[in-house]
């Protein structure tokens, strides 16, 4: 059973923990640096990116997380998690971990009332479309060298990506019944554990 940390400072961490339990992983809430001991993967959930970023800084999680990710810790960031992992993020005021070579725009689709759902092809998780839930979501504006785009909107806008041990999505896979995105992440954790 894989031991996955889920950042539990604010946002949709309970839903990620539930999803990870459904697919047979042990999910550990992470609030302090010591909570990262022994985790084999990490999830940074959706929520309010500035709030999460400030709390990560206050609880001194940033340097530990940056080091662990640089050392190969697999990490999944959804919505706000994608923003916090990005090298560039509009209006985030320095709270980003900056470990993934993408540029993102916060609240790119508008306000809460502009949230939407759409079926998207995500070839990395299988041939059937994935039902993606976008809530005050970001999008990817820049894609760096070595970053693979995993999903686009019909207009071509990138909304999910991977670079090595880092996977991000602008949508909320934890708010669906579809476990494939989390299973894909666990496969990355398994690959890392075998090395």
N, C-alpha and C. Protein backbone atom coordinates (compact mmCIF):
# COMPACT_ATOMS: atom_id res chain seq x y z
N UNK A 1 0.84 -1.19 0.00
CA UNK A 1 0.00 0.00 0.00
C UNK A 1 0.88 1.24 0.00
N UNK A 2 0.67 2.10 -0.98
CA UNK A 2 1.46 3.32 -1.09
C UNK A 2 0.99 4.35 -0.07
N UNK A 3 1.96 5.08 0.49
CA UNK A 3 1.67 6.11 1.50
C UNK A 3 1.76 7.47 0.82
N UNK A 4 0.61 8.11 0.64
CA UNK A 4 0.53 9.36 -0.10
C UNK A 4 0.14 10.49 0.86
N UNK A 5 0.94 11.56 0.87
CA UNK A 5 0.60 12.73 1.65
C UNK A 5 -0.36 13.62 0.88
N UNK A 6 -1.32 14.20 1.58
CA UNK A 6 -2.26 15.14 0.97
C UNK A 6 -2.18 16.43 1.78
N UNK A 7 -1.78 17.51 1.12
CA UNK A 7 -1.69 18.80 1.81
C UNK A 7 -3.07 19.17 2.35
N UNK A 8 -3.17 19.33 3.66
CA UNK A 8 -4.47 19.47 4.32
C UNK A 8 -4.58 20.79 5.06
N UNK A 9 -4.22 21.88 4.38
CA UNK A 9 -4.28 23.20 4.99
C UNK A 9 -5.57 23.93 4.65
N UNK A 10 -6.10 23.69 3.46
CA UNK A 10 -7.32 24.34 2.98
C UNK A 10 -7.69 23.67 1.67
N UNK A 11 -8.94 23.71 1.29
CA UNK A 11 -9.34 23.19 -0.01
C UNK A 11 -9.87 21.78 0.04
N UNK A 12 -9.80 21.10 -1.12
CA UNK A 12 -10.47 19.81 -1.32
C UNK A 12 -9.63 18.61 -0.89
N UNK A 13 -8.96 18.72 0.25
CA UNK A 13 -8.08 17.61 0.66
C UNK A 13 -8.86 16.38 1.10
N UNK A 14 -10.03 16.54 1.70
CA UNK A 14 -10.81 15.38 2.16
C UNK A 14 -11.22 14.52 0.96
N UNK A 15 -11.60 15.18 -0.14
CA UNK A 15 -12.01 14.45 -1.34
C UNK A 15 -10.84 13.67 -1.94
N UNK A 16 -9.64 14.25 -1.93
CA UNK A 16 -8.47 13.52 -2.42
C UNK A 16 -8.16 12.32 -1.52
N UNK A 17 -8.24 12.52 -0.22
CA UNK A 17 -7.99 11.42 0.72
C UNK A 17 -8.97 10.28 0.46
N UNK A 18 -10.24 10.61 0.28
CA UNK A 18 -11.26 9.60 -0.01
C UNK A 18 -10.97 8.86 -1.31
N UNK A 19 -10.61 9.60 -2.35
CA UNK A 19 -10.30 8.98 -3.65
C UNK A 19 -9.10 8.04 -3.53
N UNK A 20 -8.06 8.47 -2.83
CA UNK A 20 -6.87 7.63 -2.66
C UNK A 20 -7.21 6.36 -1.88
N UNK A 21 -8.05 6.47 -0.86
CA UNK A 21 -8.47 5.27 -0.13
C UNK A 21 -9.22 4.31 -1.06
N UNK A 22 -10.07 4.87 -1.94
CA UNK A 22 -10.85 4.03 -2.86
C UNK A 22 -9.96 3.19 -3.77
N UNK A 23 -8.77 3.71 -4.11
CA UNK A 23 -7.90 2.95 -5.02
C UNK A 23 -6.78 2.22 -4.28
N UNK A 24 -6.93 2.10 -2.97
CA UNK A 24 -6.03 1.24 -2.21
C UNK A 24 -4.76 1.87 -1.69
N UNK A 25 -4.70 3.21 -1.65
CA UNK A 25 -3.52 3.88 -1.10
C UNK A 25 -3.81 4.33 0.33
N UNK A 26 -2.76 4.46 1.11
CA UNK A 26 -2.87 5.07 2.42
C UNK A 26 -2.68 6.58 2.21
N UNK A 27 -3.62 7.38 2.70
CA UNK A 27 -3.55 8.83 2.51
C UNK A 27 -3.34 9.51 3.86
N UNK A 28 -2.29 10.32 3.95
CA UNK A 28 -1.87 10.96 5.19
C UNK A 28 -2.07 12.47 5.06
N UNK A 29 -2.88 13.11 5.93
CA UNK A 29 -2.97 14.57 5.89
C UNK A 29 -1.62 15.19 6.25
N UNK A 30 -1.19 16.18 5.47
CA UNK A 30 0.08 16.88 5.71
C UNK A 30 -0.21 18.33 6.06
N UNK A 31 0.23 18.71 7.25
CA UNK A 31 0.07 20.10 7.69
C UNK A 31 1.40 20.71 8.11
N UNK A 32 2.34 19.86 8.52
CA UNK A 32 3.64 20.30 9.01
C UNK A 32 4.74 19.51 8.33
N UNK A 33 5.97 20.03 8.29
CA UNK A 33 7.05 19.30 7.63
C UNK A 33 7.23 17.86 8.13
N UNK A 34 7.05 17.63 9.41
CA UNK A 34 7.24 16.26 9.94
C UNK A 34 6.22 15.27 9.36
N UNK A 35 5.07 15.77 8.89
CA UNK A 35 4.05 14.90 8.30
C UNK A 35 4.51 14.29 6.98
N UNK A 36 5.57 14.86 6.39
CA UNK A 36 6.09 14.35 5.12
C UNK A 36 6.97 13.12 5.29
N UNK A 37 7.35 12.81 6.52
CA UNK A 37 8.22 11.66 6.76
C UNK A 37 7.55 10.38 6.26
N UNK A 38 8.23 9.67 5.40
CA UNK A 38 7.75 8.38 4.93
C UNK A 38 6.73 8.41 3.81
N UNK A 39 6.32 9.61 3.35
CA UNK A 39 5.36 9.61 2.24
C UNK A 39 6.09 9.30 0.93
N UNK A 40 5.40 8.57 0.04
CA UNK A 40 5.98 8.15 -1.24
C UNK A 40 5.45 8.97 -2.41
N UNK A 41 4.48 9.81 -2.13
CA UNK A 41 3.90 10.70 -3.13
C UNK A 41 3.17 11.80 -2.39
N UNK A 42 2.83 12.87 -3.11
CA UNK A 42 2.20 14.03 -2.47
C UNK A 42 1.13 14.60 -3.38
N UNK A 43 0.00 14.99 -2.78
CA UNK A 43 -1.07 15.66 -3.52
C UNK A 43 -1.24 17.06 -2.95
N UNK A 44 -1.27 18.06 -3.84
CA UNK A 44 -1.59 19.43 -3.45
C UNK A 44 -2.95 19.74 -4.09
N UNK A 45 -3.98 19.90 -3.25
CA UNK A 45 -5.35 19.96 -3.78
C UNK A 45 -5.74 21.34 -4.29
N UNK A 46 -6.95 21.38 -4.86
CA UNK A 46 -7.55 22.63 -5.21
C UNK A 46 -8.03 23.35 -3.96
N UNK A 47 -8.27 24.63 -4.10
CA UNK A 47 -8.70 25.48 -3.00
C UNK A 47 -8.38 26.91 -3.38
N UNK A 48 -8.01 27.73 -2.43
CA UNK A 48 -7.64 29.11 -2.70
C UNK A 48 -6.12 29.19 -2.67
N UNK A 49 -5.51 29.41 -3.82
CA UNK A 49 -4.06 29.27 -3.94
C UNK A 49 -3.28 30.23 -3.06
N UNK A 50 -3.75 31.47 -2.92
CA UNK A 50 -3.02 32.41 -2.07
C UNK A 50 -3.07 31.98 -0.62
N UNK A 51 -4.23 31.53 -0.16
CA UNK A 51 -4.37 31.06 1.22
C UNK A 51 -3.48 29.85 1.47
N UNK A 52 -3.54 28.87 0.57
CA UNK A 52 -2.71 27.68 0.74
C UNK A 52 -1.24 28.06 0.72
N UNK A 53 -0.85 28.93 -0.22
CA UNK A 53 0.55 29.35 -0.31
C UNK A 53 1.04 30.04 0.95
N UNK A 54 0.21 30.92 1.52
CA UNK A 54 0.59 31.61 2.75
C UNK A 54 0.74 30.63 3.91
N UNK A 55 -0.18 29.67 3.99
CA UNK A 55 -0.11 28.68 5.08
C UNK A 55 1.09 27.75 4.91
N UNK A 56 1.41 27.38 3.67
CA UNK A 56 2.60 26.56 3.43
C UNK A 56 3.85 27.30 3.90
N UNK A 57 3.89 28.60 3.61
CA UNK A 57 5.03 29.40 4.05
C UNK A 57 5.08 29.51 5.57
N UNK A 58 3.93 29.78 6.19
CA UNK A 58 3.87 29.94 7.64
C UNK A 58 4.31 28.66 8.37
N UNK A 59 3.90 27.51 7.84
CA UNK A 59 4.24 26.23 8.50
C UNK A 59 5.55 25.63 7.98
N UNK A 60 6.29 26.42 7.21
CA UNK A 60 7.64 26.06 6.74
C UNK A 60 7.67 24.76 5.92
N UNK A 61 6.63 24.58 5.12
CA UNK A 61 6.56 23.41 4.26
C UNK A 61 7.33 23.60 2.95
N UNK A 62 7.44 24.86 2.48
CA UNK A 62 8.01 25.10 1.15
C UNK A 62 9.41 24.53 0.96
N UNK A 63 10.38 24.80 1.84
CA UNK A 63 11.72 24.29 1.57
C UNK A 63 11.79 22.76 1.59
N UNK A 64 11.02 22.14 2.48
CA UNK A 64 11.02 20.67 2.56
C UNK A 64 10.39 20.08 1.31
N UNK A 65 9.24 20.64 0.90
CA UNK A 65 8.58 20.13 -0.30
C UNK A 65 9.44 20.33 -1.54
N UNK A 66 10.04 21.50 -1.69
CA UNK A 66 10.90 21.75 -2.86
C UNK A 66 12.04 20.73 -2.92
N UNK A 67 12.67 20.48 -1.78
CA UNK A 67 13.77 19.53 -1.75
C UNK A 67 13.30 18.11 -2.09
N UNK A 68 12.17 17.69 -1.50
CA UNK A 68 11.66 16.35 -1.75
C UNK A 68 11.26 16.18 -3.23
N UNK A 69 10.62 17.20 -3.80
CA UNK A 69 10.22 17.11 -5.21
C UNK A 69 11.45 17.08 -6.11
N UNK A 70 12.46 17.91 -5.80
CA UNK A 70 13.71 17.89 -6.57
C UNK A 70 14.40 16.54 -6.48
N UNK A 71 14.23 15.85 -5.36
CA UNK A 71 14.81 14.52 -5.18
C UNK A 71 13.97 13.41 -5.81
N UNK A 72 12.83 13.79 -6.44
CA UNK A 72 12.03 12.81 -7.18
C UNK A 72 10.71 12.43 -6.57
N UNK A 73 10.30 13.05 -5.46
CA UNK A 73 8.99 12.74 -4.87
C UNK A 73 7.89 13.03 -5.89
N UNK A 74 7.09 12.03 -6.27
CA UNK A 74 5.98 12.30 -7.19
C UNK A 74 4.96 13.22 -6.52
N UNK A 75 4.46 14.18 -7.29
CA UNK A 75 3.47 15.13 -6.76
C UNK A 75 2.39 15.37 -7.79
N UNK A 76 1.15 15.40 -7.30
CA UNK A 76 -0.03 15.70 -8.12
C UNK A 76 -0.60 17.01 -7.61
N UNK A 77 -0.75 18.00 -8.49
CA UNK A 77 -1.36 19.27 -8.13
C UNK A 77 -2.60 19.50 -8.95
N UNK A 78 -3.74 19.74 -8.28
CA UNK A 78 -4.99 19.99 -8.99
C UNK A 78 -5.48 21.40 -8.70
N UNK A 79 -5.87 22.12 -9.74
CA UNK A 79 -6.40 23.49 -9.66
C UNK A 79 -5.41 24.38 -8.90
N UNK A 80 -5.68 24.75 -7.65
CA UNK A 80 -4.74 25.57 -6.89
C UNK A 80 -3.39 24.88 -6.77
N UNK A 81 -3.40 23.55 -6.67
CA UNK A 81 -2.15 22.79 -6.60
C UNK A 81 -1.30 22.99 -7.84
N UNK A 82 -1.95 23.07 -9.01
CA UNK A 82 -1.22 23.35 -10.25
C UNK A 82 -0.59 24.73 -10.19
N UNK A 83 -1.34 25.71 -9.69
CA UNK A 83 -0.84 27.08 -9.58
C UNK A 83 0.39 27.11 -8.67
N UNK A 84 0.31 26.42 -7.54
CA UNK A 84 1.39 26.45 -6.55
C UNK A 84 2.64 25.72 -7.02
N UNK A 85 2.51 24.78 -7.94
CA UNK A 85 3.67 24.06 -8.47
C UNK A 85 4.32 24.78 -9.65
N UNK A 86 3.59 25.68 -10.30
CA UNK A 86 4.06 26.34 -11.53
C UNK A 86 5.22 27.28 -11.27
N UNK A 87 6.10 27.38 -12.26
CA UNK A 87 7.20 28.34 -12.18
C UNK A 87 6.69 29.78 -12.24
N UNK A 88 5.64 30.02 -13.04
CA UNK A 88 5.05 31.35 -13.15
C UNK A 88 3.55 31.24 -12.92
N UNK A 89 3.02 32.15 -12.10
CA UNK A 89 1.57 32.19 -11.85
C UNK A 89 1.15 33.64 -11.67
N UNK A 90 0.15 34.07 -12.44
CA UNK A 90 -0.31 35.46 -12.35
C UNK A 90 -0.84 35.77 -10.96
N UNK A 91 -0.43 36.90 -10.43
CA UNK A 91 -0.98 37.45 -9.19
C UNK A 91 -0.85 36.53 -7.98
N UNK A 92 0.19 35.72 -7.91
CA UNK A 92 0.34 34.83 -6.75
C UNK A 92 1.30 35.41 -5.72
N UNK A 93 2.02 36.45 -6.06
CA UNK A 93 2.86 37.18 -5.11
C UNK A 93 3.90 36.31 -4.40
N UNK A 94 4.54 35.44 -5.17
CA UNK A 94 5.70 34.73 -4.64
C UNK A 94 5.43 33.49 -3.83
N UNK A 95 4.18 33.00 -3.77
CA UNK A 95 3.90 31.82 -2.95
C UNK A 95 4.06 30.51 -3.70
N UNK A 96 4.38 30.56 -4.99
CA UNK A 96 4.53 29.34 -5.78
C UNK A 96 5.79 28.58 -5.39
N UNK A 97 5.71 27.25 -5.45
CA UNK A 97 6.90 26.42 -5.25
C UNK A 97 7.84 26.53 -6.44
N UNK A 98 7.30 26.80 -7.63
CA UNK A 98 8.11 27.04 -8.81
C UNK A 98 8.88 25.85 -9.31
N UNK A 99 8.33 24.64 -9.16
CA UNK A 99 9.08 23.43 -9.52
C UNK A 99 8.71 22.85 -10.89
N UNK A 100 7.68 23.38 -11.53
CA UNK A 100 7.25 22.88 -12.83
C UNK A 100 7.33 24.02 -13.84
N UNK A 101 7.98 23.75 -14.98
CA UNK A 101 8.24 24.79 -15.96
C UNK A 101 7.01 25.08 -16.83
N UNK A 102 5.99 25.66 -16.17
CA UNK A 102 4.81 26.13 -16.88
C UNK A 102 4.46 27.51 -16.33
N UNK A 103 3.71 28.27 -17.13
CA UNK A 103 3.12 29.51 -16.68
C UNK A 103 1.62 29.34 -16.65
N UNK A 104 0.98 29.75 -15.57
CA UNK A 104 -0.47 29.58 -15.45
C UNK A 104 -1.15 30.91 -15.16
N UNK A 105 -2.40 31.00 -15.57
CA UNK A 105 -3.24 32.17 -15.26
C UNK A 105 -4.29 31.72 -14.26
N UNK A 106 -4.30 32.38 -13.09
CA UNK A 106 -5.30 32.08 -12.07
C UNK A 106 -6.68 32.57 -12.51
N UNK A 107 -7.72 31.85 -12.07
CA UNK A 107 -9.11 32.22 -12.37
C UNK A 107 -9.29 32.58 -13.85
N UNK A 108 -8.67 31.78 -14.70
CA UNK A 108 -8.61 32.11 -16.12
C UNK A 108 -9.97 32.12 -16.80
N UNK A 109 -10.91 31.34 -16.28
CA UNK A 109 -12.22 31.22 -16.92
C UNK A 109 -13.24 32.18 -16.33
N UNK A 110 -12.85 32.92 -15.29
CA UNK A 110 -13.78 33.86 -14.69
C UNK A 110 -14.11 33.51 -13.25
N UNK A 111 -15.26 33.96 -12.81
CA UNK A 111 -15.67 33.82 -11.42
C UNK A 111 -16.33 32.46 -11.16
N UNK A 112 -16.79 32.26 -9.92
CA UNK A 112 -17.43 31.00 -9.53
C UNK A 112 -18.58 30.62 -10.46
N UNK A 113 -19.36 31.62 -10.89
CA UNK A 113 -20.51 31.34 -11.76
C UNK A 113 -20.08 30.84 -13.13
N UNK A 114 -18.81 31.01 -13.48
CA UNK A 114 -18.30 30.56 -14.77
C UNK A 114 -17.70 29.16 -14.71
N UNK A 115 -17.84 28.49 -13.57
CA UNK A 115 -17.37 27.11 -13.44
C UNK A 115 -18.15 26.21 -14.40
N UNK A 116 -17.52 25.12 -14.84
CA UNK A 116 -18.16 24.26 -15.83
C UNK A 116 -17.59 22.85 -15.77
N UNK A 117 -18.25 21.94 -16.47
CA UNK A 117 -17.81 20.55 -16.59
C UNK A 117 -17.77 20.19 -18.06
N UNK A 118 -16.79 19.33 -18.42
CA UNK A 118 -16.64 18.94 -19.82
C UNK A 118 -15.93 17.59 -19.89
N UNK A 119 -16.27 16.79 -20.88
CA UNK A 119 -15.58 15.53 -21.11
C UNK A 119 -14.36 15.80 -21.99
N UNK A 120 -13.18 15.39 -21.49
CA UNK A 120 -11.93 15.66 -22.20
C UNK A 120 -11.19 14.37 -22.51
N UNK A 121 -10.58 14.28 -23.69
CA UNK A 121 -9.67 13.16 -23.95
C UNK A 121 -8.37 13.36 -23.16
N UNK A 122 -7.96 12.33 -22.44
CA UNK A 122 -6.69 12.34 -21.70
C UNK A 122 -6.04 10.99 -22.01
N UNK A 123 -5.25 10.94 -23.08
CA UNK A 123 -4.75 9.65 -23.57
C UNK A 123 -3.92 8.91 -22.54
N UNK A 124 -3.27 9.62 -21.63
CA UNK A 124 -2.43 8.96 -20.62
C UNK A 124 -3.21 8.06 -19.68
N UNK A 125 -4.54 8.30 -19.56
CA UNK A 125 -5.33 7.49 -18.63
C UNK A 125 -6.27 6.53 -19.34
N UNK A 126 -6.28 6.53 -20.68
CA UNK A 126 -7.12 5.59 -21.41
C UNK A 126 -7.92 6.25 -22.52
N UNK A 127 -8.61 5.44 -23.33
CA UNK A 127 -9.30 5.97 -24.50
C UNK A 127 -10.60 6.71 -24.19
N UNK A 128 -11.25 6.41 -23.07
CA UNK A 128 -12.52 7.07 -22.77
C UNK A 128 -12.28 8.48 -22.23
N UNK A 129 -13.13 9.43 -22.59
CA UNK A 129 -12.96 10.79 -22.09
C UNK A 129 -13.07 10.84 -20.56
N UNK A 130 -12.43 11.84 -19.98
CA UNK A 130 -12.48 12.06 -18.54
C UNK A 130 -13.41 13.23 -18.28
N UNK A 131 -14.35 13.06 -17.34
CA UNK A 131 -15.28 14.13 -17.01
C UNK A 131 -14.58 15.12 -16.09
N UNK A 132 -14.21 16.28 -16.62
CA UNK A 132 -13.40 17.25 -15.90
C UNK A 132 -14.28 18.36 -15.33
N UNK A 133 -14.06 18.64 -14.03
CA UNK A 133 -14.82 19.66 -13.30
C UNK A 133 -13.90 20.86 -13.08
N UNK A 134 -14.27 22.00 -13.65
CA UNK A 134 -13.48 23.23 -13.55
C UNK A 134 -14.21 24.21 -12.62
N UNK A 135 -13.56 24.59 -11.52
CA UNK A 135 -14.15 25.52 -10.56
C UNK A 135 -13.17 26.68 -10.34
N UNK A 136 -13.53 27.86 -10.83
CA UNK A 136 -12.62 29.03 -10.77
C UNK A 136 -11.21 28.61 -11.16
N UNK A 137 -11.13 27.90 -12.24
CA UNK A 137 -9.91 27.18 -12.61
C UNK A 137 -8.87 28.05 -13.32
N UNK A 138 -7.61 27.63 -13.20
CA UNK A 138 -6.54 28.24 -14.00
C UNK A 138 -6.46 27.56 -15.37
N UNK A 139 -5.63 28.08 -16.23
CA UNK A 139 -5.21 27.35 -17.41
C UNK A 139 -3.71 27.54 -17.59
N UNK A 140 -3.14 26.73 -18.47
CA UNK A 140 -1.70 26.79 -18.72
C UNK A 140 -1.46 27.72 -19.91
N UNK A 141 -0.67 28.78 -19.66
CA UNK A 141 -0.37 29.75 -20.71
C UNK A 141 0.96 29.47 -21.40
N UNK A 142 1.93 28.92 -20.66
CA UNK A 142 3.25 28.62 -21.20
C UNK A 142 3.63 27.21 -20.81
N UNK A 143 4.26 26.51 -21.75
CA UNK A 143 4.73 25.15 -21.49
C UNK A 143 6.23 25.11 -21.77
N UNK A 144 7.00 24.75 -20.76
CA UNK A 144 8.44 24.72 -20.89
C UNK A 144 8.95 23.45 -21.54
N UNK A 145 10.26 23.41 -21.77
CA UNK A 145 10.92 22.25 -22.36
C UNK A 145 10.76 21.06 -21.42
N UNK A 146 10.43 19.92 -21.99
CA UNK A 146 10.31 18.70 -21.19
C UNK A 146 8.97 18.51 -20.51
N UNK A 147 8.03 19.44 -20.74
CA UNK A 147 6.70 19.32 -20.16
C UNK A 147 5.76 18.75 -21.21
N UNK A 148 5.09 17.66 -20.86
CA UNK A 148 4.13 17.01 -21.76
C UNK A 148 2.72 17.47 -21.40
N UNK A 149 1.99 18.01 -22.39
CA UNK A 149 0.60 18.38 -22.15
C UNK A 149 -0.25 17.11 -22.22
N UNK A 150 -1.03 16.87 -21.17
CA UNK A 150 -1.86 15.66 -21.08
C UNK A 150 -3.28 15.88 -21.56
N UNK A 151 -3.78 17.11 -21.47
CA UNK A 151 -5.17 17.39 -21.88
C UNK A 151 -5.30 18.83 -22.33
N UNK A 152 -6.14 19.01 -23.36
CA UNK A 152 -6.47 20.34 -23.89
C UNK A 152 -7.99 20.49 -23.88
N UNK A 153 -8.43 21.72 -23.77
CA UNK A 153 -9.83 22.01 -24.05
C UNK A 153 -10.04 21.96 -25.57
N UNK A 154 -11.29 21.91 -26.04
CA UNK A 154 -11.53 21.87 -27.48
C UNK A 154 -10.88 23.01 -28.25
N UNK A 155 -10.68 24.17 -27.61
CA UNK A 155 -10.04 25.30 -28.30
C UNK A 155 -8.51 25.22 -28.29
N UNK A 156 -7.96 24.14 -27.72
CA UNK A 156 -6.51 23.95 -27.70
C UNK A 156 -5.82 24.40 -26.42
N UNK A 157 -6.55 25.01 -25.48
CA UNK A 157 -5.96 25.48 -24.24
C UNK A 157 -5.49 24.30 -23.39
N UNK A 158 -4.21 24.25 -22.99
CA UNK A 158 -3.72 23.15 -22.15
C UNK A 158 -4.28 23.26 -20.73
N UNK A 159 -4.74 22.11 -20.19
CA UNK A 159 -5.32 22.10 -18.84
C UNK A 159 -4.79 20.97 -17.97
N UNK A 160 -3.85 20.19 -18.47
CA UNK A 160 -3.19 19.17 -17.65
C UNK A 160 -1.83 18.91 -18.26
N UNK A 161 -0.85 18.59 -17.40
CA UNK A 161 0.52 18.40 -17.90
C UNK A 161 1.30 17.51 -16.96
N UNK A 162 2.43 17.01 -17.50
CA UNK A 162 3.35 16.21 -16.69
C UNK A 162 4.79 16.53 -17.09
N UNK A 163 5.64 16.57 -16.09
CA UNK A 163 7.08 16.64 -16.32
C UNK A 163 7.72 15.74 -15.27
N UNK A 164 8.22 14.59 -15.70
CA UNK A 164 8.86 13.66 -14.78
C UNK A 164 7.94 13.23 -13.66
N UNK A 165 8.29 13.59 -12.43
CA UNK A 165 7.54 13.17 -11.26
C UNK A 165 6.39 14.12 -10.88
N UNK A 166 6.15 15.15 -11.71
CA UNK A 166 5.13 16.15 -11.39
C UNK A 166 3.97 16.06 -12.39
N UNK A 167 2.75 15.94 -11.86
CA UNK A 167 1.54 15.91 -12.69
C UNK A 167 0.61 17.00 -12.19
N UNK A 168 0.02 17.76 -13.11
CA UNK A 168 -0.90 18.82 -12.72
C UNK A 168 -2.15 18.80 -13.60
N UNK A 169 -3.25 19.29 -13.01
CA UNK A 169 -4.50 19.42 -13.75
C UNK A 169 -5.21 20.68 -13.27
N UNK A 170 -5.79 21.42 -14.20
CA UNK A 170 -6.55 22.61 -13.85
C UNK A 170 -7.91 22.24 -13.27
N UNK A 171 -8.33 21.00 -13.50
CA UNK A 171 -9.64 20.53 -13.05
C UNK A 171 -9.52 19.73 -11.75
N UNK A 172 -10.66 19.23 -11.28
CA UNK A 172 -10.75 18.54 -9.99
C UNK A 172 -11.11 17.06 -10.19
N UNK A 173 -10.14 16.18 -10.41
CA UNK A 173 -10.48 14.77 -10.59
C UNK A 173 -11.05 14.13 -9.33
N UNK A 174 -10.79 14.72 -8.17
CA UNK A 174 -11.30 14.18 -6.90
C UNK A 174 -12.80 14.40 -6.72
N UNK A 175 -13.40 15.25 -7.57
CA UNK A 175 -14.83 15.54 -7.46
C UNK A 175 -15.67 14.69 -8.40
N UNK A 176 -15.08 13.67 -8.99
CA UNK A 176 -15.80 12.75 -9.86
C UNK A 176 -15.73 11.35 -9.27
N UNK A 177 -16.45 10.43 -9.88
CA UNK A 177 -16.38 9.02 -9.47
C UNK A 177 -15.27 8.28 -10.22
N UNK A 178 -14.64 8.95 -11.17
CA UNK A 178 -13.63 8.34 -12.03
C UNK A 178 -12.27 8.34 -11.32
N UNK A 179 -11.74 7.17 -11.06
CA UNK A 179 -10.48 7.04 -10.31
C UNK A 179 -9.25 7.06 -11.21
N UNK A 180 -9.40 7.18 -12.52
CA UNK A 180 -8.27 6.96 -13.43
C UNK A 180 -7.15 7.98 -13.27
N UNK A 181 -7.47 9.23 -12.98
CA UNK A 181 -6.40 10.22 -12.86
C UNK A 181 -5.54 9.94 -11.64
N UNK A 182 -6.17 9.59 -10.54
CA UNK A 182 -5.42 9.24 -9.33
C UNK A 182 -4.65 7.93 -9.52
N UNK A 183 -5.24 6.99 -10.23
CA UNK A 183 -4.53 5.73 -10.52
C UNK A 183 -3.30 5.99 -11.38
N UNK A 184 -3.43 6.90 -12.34
CA UNK A 184 -2.28 7.29 -13.16
C UNK A 184 -1.17 7.85 -12.28
N UNK A 185 -1.54 8.69 -11.33
CA UNK A 185 -0.56 9.24 -10.40
C UNK A 185 0.08 8.13 -9.56
N UNK A 186 -0.71 7.20 -9.08
CA UNK A 186 -0.14 6.09 -8.29
C UNK A 186 0.82 5.25 -9.12
N UNK A 187 0.56 5.12 -10.41
CA UNK A 187 1.51 4.40 -11.29
C UNK A 187 2.86 5.12 -11.30
N UNK A 188 2.85 6.44 -11.29
CA UNK A 188 4.10 7.21 -11.25
C UNK A 188 4.81 6.98 -9.92
N UNK A 189 4.04 6.92 -8.84
CA UNK A 189 4.62 6.62 -7.52
C UNK A 189 5.25 5.23 -7.54
N UNK A 190 4.55 4.26 -8.12
CA UNK A 190 5.09 2.89 -8.22
C UNK A 190 6.41 2.87 -9.00
N UNK A 191 6.44 3.60 -10.13
CA UNK A 191 7.67 3.66 -10.94
C UNK A 191 8.81 4.20 -10.11
N UNK A 192 8.56 5.26 -9.36
CA UNK A 192 9.58 5.88 -8.53
C UNK A 192 10.07 4.92 -7.45
N UNK A 193 9.15 4.19 -6.84
CA UNK A 193 9.50 3.27 -5.75
C UNK A 193 10.35 2.10 -6.24
N UNK A 194 10.22 1.75 -7.52
CA UNK A 194 10.99 0.63 -8.08
C UNK A 194 12.42 1.01 -8.41
N UNK A 195 12.71 2.33 -8.45
CA UNK A 195 14.05 2.78 -8.81
C UNK A 195 15.01 2.64 -7.65
